[in-house]
């Protein structure tokens, strides 16, 4: 994978968060857990609308994009997500992206 592709994949903070979440959980997760994590990033107390929006973004944007580049395997039927290859992404995943913070509501 060339550096332009890597930067494009990591340009979105949600995709960074997905990769970090997978790294921190043994390389496995599912759409339900990831959507809760992404919705919680927006607000500490995610409502149903935010959760549904996060699921749609995962299903139609982030997970297919990461799967197309061989970073993950995504089973749309079960919702399972498995981290495949991040060796090419590692140099770009600095300490900031490895630290998960949930923004506080003002």
N, C-alpha and C. Protein backbone atom coordinates (compact mmCIF):
# COMPACT_ATOMS: atom_id res chain seq x y z
N UNK A 1 0.86 -1.17 0.00
CA UNK A 1 0.00 0.00 0.00
C UNK A 1 0.91 1.23 0.00
N UNK A 2 0.63 2.15 -0.90
CA UNK A 2 1.46 3.35 -0.96
C UNK A 2 1.05 4.36 0.12
N UNK A 3 1.94 5.31 0.38
CA UNK A 3 1.71 6.27 1.48
C UNK A 3 0.47 7.13 1.24
N UNK A 4 0.15 7.42 -0.01
CA UNK A 4 -1.05 8.21 -0.32
C UNK A 4 -2.31 7.46 0.13
N UNK A 5 -2.36 6.16 -0.12
CA UNK A 5 -3.50 5.34 0.28
C UNK A 5 -3.59 5.26 1.80
N UNK A 6 -2.45 5.05 2.45
CA UNK A 6 -2.43 4.98 3.91
C UNK A 6 -2.94 6.28 4.51
N UNK A 7 -2.44 7.40 4.01
CA UNK A 7 -2.88 8.69 4.52
C UNK A 7 -4.37 8.92 4.27
N UNK A 8 -4.85 8.47 3.13
CA UNK A 8 -6.27 8.60 2.83
C UNK A 8 -7.12 7.78 3.80
N UNK A 9 -6.67 6.56 4.10
CA UNK A 9 -7.40 5.71 5.05
C UNK A 9 -7.41 6.31 6.45
N UNK A 10 -6.28 6.88 6.85
CA UNK A 10 -6.16 7.41 8.21
C UNK A 10 -6.57 8.87 8.33
N UNK A 11 -6.99 9.47 7.23
CA UNK A 11 -7.40 10.88 7.27
C UNK A 11 -8.67 11.06 8.10
N UNK A 12 -9.46 10.03 8.20
CA UNK A 12 -10.71 10.10 8.95
C UNK A 12 -10.48 9.59 10.37
N UNK A 13 -10.81 10.39 11.36
CA UNK A 13 -10.57 9.99 12.76
C UNK A 13 -11.41 8.79 13.18
N UNK A 14 -12.57 8.59 12.55
CA UNK A 14 -13.36 7.40 12.86
C UNK A 14 -12.62 6.13 12.44
N UNK A 15 -11.98 6.16 11.27
CA UNK A 15 -11.22 4.99 10.84
C UNK A 15 -10.00 4.77 11.74
N UNK A 16 -9.37 5.84 12.18
CA UNK A 16 -8.27 5.70 13.14
C UNK A 16 -8.78 5.02 14.40
N UNK A 17 -9.93 5.46 14.87
CA UNK A 17 -10.52 4.91 16.08
C UNK A 17 -10.86 3.43 15.91
N UNK A 18 -11.36 3.06 14.76
CA UNK A 18 -11.68 1.65 14.49
C UNK A 18 -10.42 0.80 14.59
N UNK A 19 -9.36 1.25 13.98
CA UNK A 19 -8.11 0.49 14.00
C UNK A 19 -7.56 0.39 15.42
N UNK A 20 -7.58 1.49 16.14
CA UNK A 20 -7.09 1.47 17.52
C UNK A 20 -7.95 0.55 18.38
N UNK A 21 -9.26 0.62 18.21
CA UNK A 21 -10.17 -0.26 18.95
C UNK A 21 -9.84 -1.73 18.68
N UNK A 22 -9.60 -2.07 17.43
CA UNK A 22 -9.25 -3.44 17.09
C UNK A 22 -7.90 -3.83 17.68
N UNK A 23 -6.93 -2.94 17.62
CA UNK A 23 -5.61 -3.22 18.20
C UNK A 23 -5.71 -3.47 19.70
N UNK A 24 -6.55 -2.72 20.37
CA UNK A 24 -6.68 -2.83 21.82
C UNK A 24 -7.52 -4.03 22.25
N UNK A 25 -8.22 -4.67 21.32
CA UNK A 25 -9.11 -5.78 21.67
C UNK A 25 -8.77 -7.06 20.92
N UNK A 26 -7.52 -7.32 20.78
CA UNK A 26 -7.09 -8.58 20.19
C UNK A 26 -7.39 -8.73 18.71
N UNK A 27 -7.65 -7.63 18.03
CA UNK A 27 -7.88 -7.67 16.59
C UNK A 27 -9.28 -8.07 16.18
N UNK A 28 -10.21 -8.16 17.13
CA UNK A 28 -11.58 -8.59 16.81
C UNK A 28 -12.60 -7.66 17.46
N UNK A 29 -13.67 -7.45 16.74
CA UNK A 29 -14.80 -6.69 17.28
C UNK A 29 -16.00 -6.98 16.40
N UNK A 30 -17.05 -6.19 16.58
CA UNK A 30 -18.22 -6.33 15.72
C UNK A 30 -18.85 -4.95 15.52
N UNK A 31 -19.76 -4.88 14.57
CA UNK A 31 -20.37 -3.60 14.21
C UNK A 31 -21.08 -2.98 15.41
N UNK A 32 -21.74 -3.77 16.23
CA UNK A 32 -22.45 -3.23 17.40
C UNK A 32 -21.52 -2.50 18.35
N UNK A 33 -20.41 -3.14 18.69
CA UNK A 33 -19.45 -2.54 19.62
C UNK A 33 -18.80 -1.32 18.99
N UNK A 34 -18.38 -1.45 17.74
CA UNK A 34 -17.72 -0.32 17.07
C UNK A 34 -18.66 0.87 16.91
N UNK A 35 -19.91 0.61 16.60
CA UNK A 35 -20.86 1.73 16.45
C UNK A 35 -21.09 2.43 17.78
N UNK A 36 -21.14 1.67 18.87
CA UNK A 36 -21.27 2.29 20.19
C UNK A 36 -20.05 3.15 20.51
N UNK A 37 -18.88 2.65 20.16
CA UNK A 37 -17.65 3.41 20.40
C UNK A 37 -17.63 4.71 19.59
N UNK A 38 -18.00 4.60 18.32
CA UNK A 38 -17.98 5.80 17.46
C UNK A 38 -19.03 6.81 17.90
N UNK A 39 -20.21 6.33 18.26
CA UNK A 39 -21.26 7.24 18.72
C UNK A 39 -20.85 7.90 20.02
N UNK A 40 -20.19 7.17 20.90
CA UNK A 40 -19.75 7.73 22.19
C UNK A 40 -18.65 8.76 22.01
N UNK A 41 -17.91 8.68 20.92
CA UNK A 41 -16.87 9.69 20.66
C UNK A 41 -17.50 11.06 20.45
N UNK A 42 -18.69 11.09 19.88
CA UNK A 42 -19.37 12.34 19.61
C UNK A 42 -19.94 12.96 20.88
N UNK A 43 -20.45 12.09 21.74
CA UNK A 43 -21.04 12.53 23.01
C UNK A 43 -20.83 11.41 24.01
N UNK A 44 -20.74 11.77 25.26
CA UNK A 44 -20.57 10.74 26.29
C UNK A 44 -21.81 9.84 26.39
N UNK A 45 -22.96 10.37 26.09
CA UNK A 45 -24.22 9.63 26.20
C UNK A 45 -24.88 9.59 24.82
N UNK A 46 -24.49 8.60 24.01
CA UNK A 46 -25.00 8.53 22.64
C UNK A 46 -26.46 8.10 22.63
N UNK A 47 -27.26 8.79 21.83
CA UNK A 47 -28.67 8.40 21.71
C UNK A 47 -28.85 7.45 20.52
N UNK A 48 -30.06 6.98 20.33
CA UNK A 48 -30.35 6.00 19.28
C UNK A 48 -30.04 6.52 17.88
N UNK A 49 -30.31 7.79 17.63
CA UNK A 49 -30.03 8.37 16.32
C UNK A 49 -28.53 8.36 16.03
N UNK A 50 -27.73 8.76 17.00
CA UNK A 50 -26.28 8.76 16.81
C UNK A 50 -25.75 7.34 16.62
N UNK A 51 -26.32 6.39 17.36
CA UNK A 51 -25.92 5.00 17.23
C UNK A 51 -26.25 4.46 15.84
N UNK A 52 -27.43 4.76 15.35
CA UNK A 52 -27.82 4.32 14.01
C UNK A 52 -26.96 4.97 12.93
N UNK A 53 -26.66 6.24 13.11
CA UNK A 53 -25.79 6.94 12.15
C UNK A 53 -24.40 6.31 12.13
N UNK A 54 -23.87 5.96 13.30
CA UNK A 54 -22.56 5.32 13.39
C UNK A 54 -22.58 3.96 12.70
N UNK A 55 -23.65 3.18 12.89
CA UNK A 55 -23.77 1.88 12.23
C UNK A 55 -23.78 2.03 10.71
N UNK A 56 -24.53 3.02 10.22
CA UNK A 56 -24.59 3.24 8.78
C UNK A 56 -23.23 3.65 8.21
N UNK A 57 -22.53 4.53 8.92
CA UNK A 57 -21.19 4.95 8.48
C UNK A 57 -20.24 3.76 8.45
N UNK A 58 -20.31 2.92 9.47
CA UNK A 58 -19.46 1.74 9.49
C UNK A 58 -19.78 0.83 8.32
N UNK A 59 -21.04 0.51 8.15
CA UNK A 59 -21.47 -0.47 7.15
C UNK A 59 -21.25 0.01 5.71
N UNK A 60 -21.50 1.28 5.45
CA UNK A 60 -21.45 1.78 4.07
C UNK A 60 -20.17 2.53 3.72
N UNK A 61 -19.37 2.88 4.69
CA UNK A 61 -18.19 3.69 4.40
C UNK A 61 -16.91 3.08 4.96
N UNK A 62 -16.76 3.15 6.28
CA UNK A 62 -15.47 2.83 6.90
C UNK A 62 -15.05 1.37 6.76
N UNK A 63 -15.92 0.44 7.10
CA UNK A 63 -15.53 -0.97 7.06
C UNK A 63 -15.27 -1.47 5.64
N UNK A 64 -16.13 -1.15 4.65
CA UNK A 64 -15.80 -1.57 3.28
C UNK A 64 -14.49 -0.97 2.77
N UNK A 65 -14.24 0.27 3.12
CA UNK A 65 -13.01 0.93 2.67
C UNK A 65 -11.78 0.24 3.26
N UNK A 66 -11.82 -0.05 4.57
CA UNK A 66 -10.70 -0.74 5.22
C UNK A 66 -10.56 -2.16 4.68
N UNK A 67 -11.68 -2.82 4.40
CA UNK A 67 -11.65 -4.19 3.86
C UNK A 67 -11.08 -4.20 2.44
N UNK A 68 -11.45 -3.23 1.64
CA UNK A 68 -10.95 -3.15 0.26
C UNK A 68 -9.44 -3.04 0.19
N UNK A 69 -8.83 -2.48 1.24
CA UNK A 69 -7.38 -2.32 1.27
C UNK A 69 -6.68 -3.38 2.11
N UNK A 70 -7.42 -4.40 2.52
CA UNK A 70 -6.83 -5.53 3.22
C UNK A 70 -6.47 -5.28 4.68
N UNK A 71 -6.97 -4.18 5.23
CA UNK A 71 -6.67 -3.86 6.63
C UNK A 71 -7.51 -4.73 7.57
N UNK A 72 -8.75 -4.98 7.17
CA UNK A 72 -9.67 -5.79 7.99
C UNK A 72 -10.38 -6.81 7.11
N UNK A 73 -11.01 -7.77 7.76
CA UNK A 73 -12.02 -8.62 7.14
C UNK A 73 -13.32 -8.23 7.79
N UNK A 74 -14.35 -8.05 6.98
CA UNK A 74 -15.65 -7.63 7.48
C UNK A 74 -16.71 -8.55 6.94
N UNK A 75 -17.39 -9.26 7.82
CA UNK A 75 -18.48 -10.15 7.44
C UNK A 75 -19.78 -9.37 7.62
N UNK A 76 -20.37 -8.94 6.52
CA UNK A 76 -21.58 -8.13 6.59
C UNK A 76 -22.75 -8.91 7.16
N UNK A 77 -22.75 -10.21 6.99
CA UNK A 77 -23.85 -11.03 7.48
C UNK A 77 -23.86 -11.09 9.01
N UNK A 78 -22.69 -11.32 9.62
CA UNK A 78 -22.62 -11.44 11.08
C UNK A 78 -22.25 -10.14 11.78
N UNK A 79 -21.63 -9.21 11.03
CA UNK A 79 -21.16 -7.96 11.62
C UNK A 79 -19.79 -8.08 12.26
N UNK A 80 -19.14 -9.23 12.11
CA UNK A 80 -17.81 -9.43 12.69
C UNK A 80 -16.75 -8.67 11.92
N UNK A 81 -15.81 -8.11 12.66
CA UNK A 81 -14.70 -7.36 12.08
C UNK A 81 -13.41 -7.94 12.66
N UNK A 82 -12.47 -8.28 11.77
CA UNK A 82 -11.19 -8.85 12.19
C UNK A 82 -10.07 -8.06 11.55
N UNK A 83 -9.13 -7.62 12.37
CA UNK A 83 -7.97 -6.89 11.89
C UNK A 83 -7.07 -7.84 11.12
N UNK A 84 -6.64 -7.46 9.94
CA UNK A 84 -5.79 -8.32 9.12
C UNK A 84 -4.35 -7.83 9.10
N UNK A 85 -4.11 -6.69 8.52
CA UNK A 85 -2.74 -6.25 8.29
C UNK A 85 -2.61 -4.76 8.57
N UNK A 86 -1.84 -4.43 9.59
CA UNK A 86 -1.62 -3.01 9.89
C UNK A 86 -0.15 -2.63 9.85
N UNK A 87 0.70 -3.56 9.42
CA UNK A 87 2.13 -3.28 9.41
C UNK A 87 2.45 -2.02 8.59
N UNK A 88 1.74 -1.83 7.49
CA UNK A 88 1.97 -0.65 6.67
C UNK A 88 1.40 0.62 7.29
N UNK A 89 0.45 0.46 8.20
CA UNK A 89 -0.15 1.61 8.87
C UNK A 89 0.61 2.02 10.14
N UNK A 90 1.34 1.06 10.73
CA UNK A 90 1.99 1.29 12.02
C UNK A 90 2.79 2.59 12.09
N UNK A 91 3.62 2.91 11.09
CA UNK A 91 4.39 4.15 11.20
C UNK A 91 3.52 5.42 11.31
N UNK A 92 2.30 5.32 10.83
CA UNK A 92 1.40 6.47 10.83
C UNK A 92 0.52 6.53 12.07
N UNK A 93 0.46 5.43 12.81
CA UNK A 93 -0.34 5.39 14.03
C UNK A 93 0.54 5.84 15.19
N UNK A 94 0.56 7.13 15.40
CA UNK A 94 1.42 7.65 16.46
C UNK A 94 0.74 7.57 17.82
N UNK A 95 1.39 8.05 18.83
CA UNK A 95 0.87 7.97 20.20
C UNK A 95 -0.49 8.66 20.34
N UNK A 96 -0.73 9.68 19.56
CA UNK A 96 -2.00 10.40 19.68
C UNK A 96 -3.15 9.51 19.26
N UNK A 97 -3.02 8.77 18.16
CA UNK A 97 -4.12 7.92 17.72
C UNK A 97 -4.27 6.69 18.59
N UNK A 98 -3.24 6.31 19.32
CA UNK A 98 -3.33 5.15 20.20
C UNK A 98 -4.01 5.48 21.52
N UNK A 99 -4.10 6.76 21.86
CA UNK A 99 -4.76 7.17 23.10
C UNK A 99 -6.21 7.47 22.78
N UNK A 100 -7.11 6.75 23.41
CA UNK A 100 -8.53 6.96 23.17
C UNK A 100 -9.05 7.94 24.20
N UNK A 101 -9.69 8.98 23.72
CA UNK A 101 -10.35 9.92 24.63
C UNK A 101 -11.76 10.15 24.13
N UNK A 102 -12.65 10.26 25.04
CA UNK A 102 -14.03 10.60 24.69
C UNK A 102 -14.23 12.05 25.09
N UNK A 103 -14.57 12.90 24.12
CA UNK A 103 -14.75 14.32 24.45
C UNK A 103 -15.90 14.51 25.42
N UNK A 104 -15.72 15.42 26.32
CA UNK A 104 -16.76 15.75 27.29
C UNK A 104 -17.73 16.75 26.71
N UNK A 105 -18.97 16.61 27.07
CA UNK A 105 -19.97 17.60 26.64
C UNK A 105 -19.67 18.93 27.30
N UNK A 106 -19.87 20.04 26.57
CA UNK A 106 -19.63 21.36 27.18
C UNK A 106 -20.68 21.70 28.22
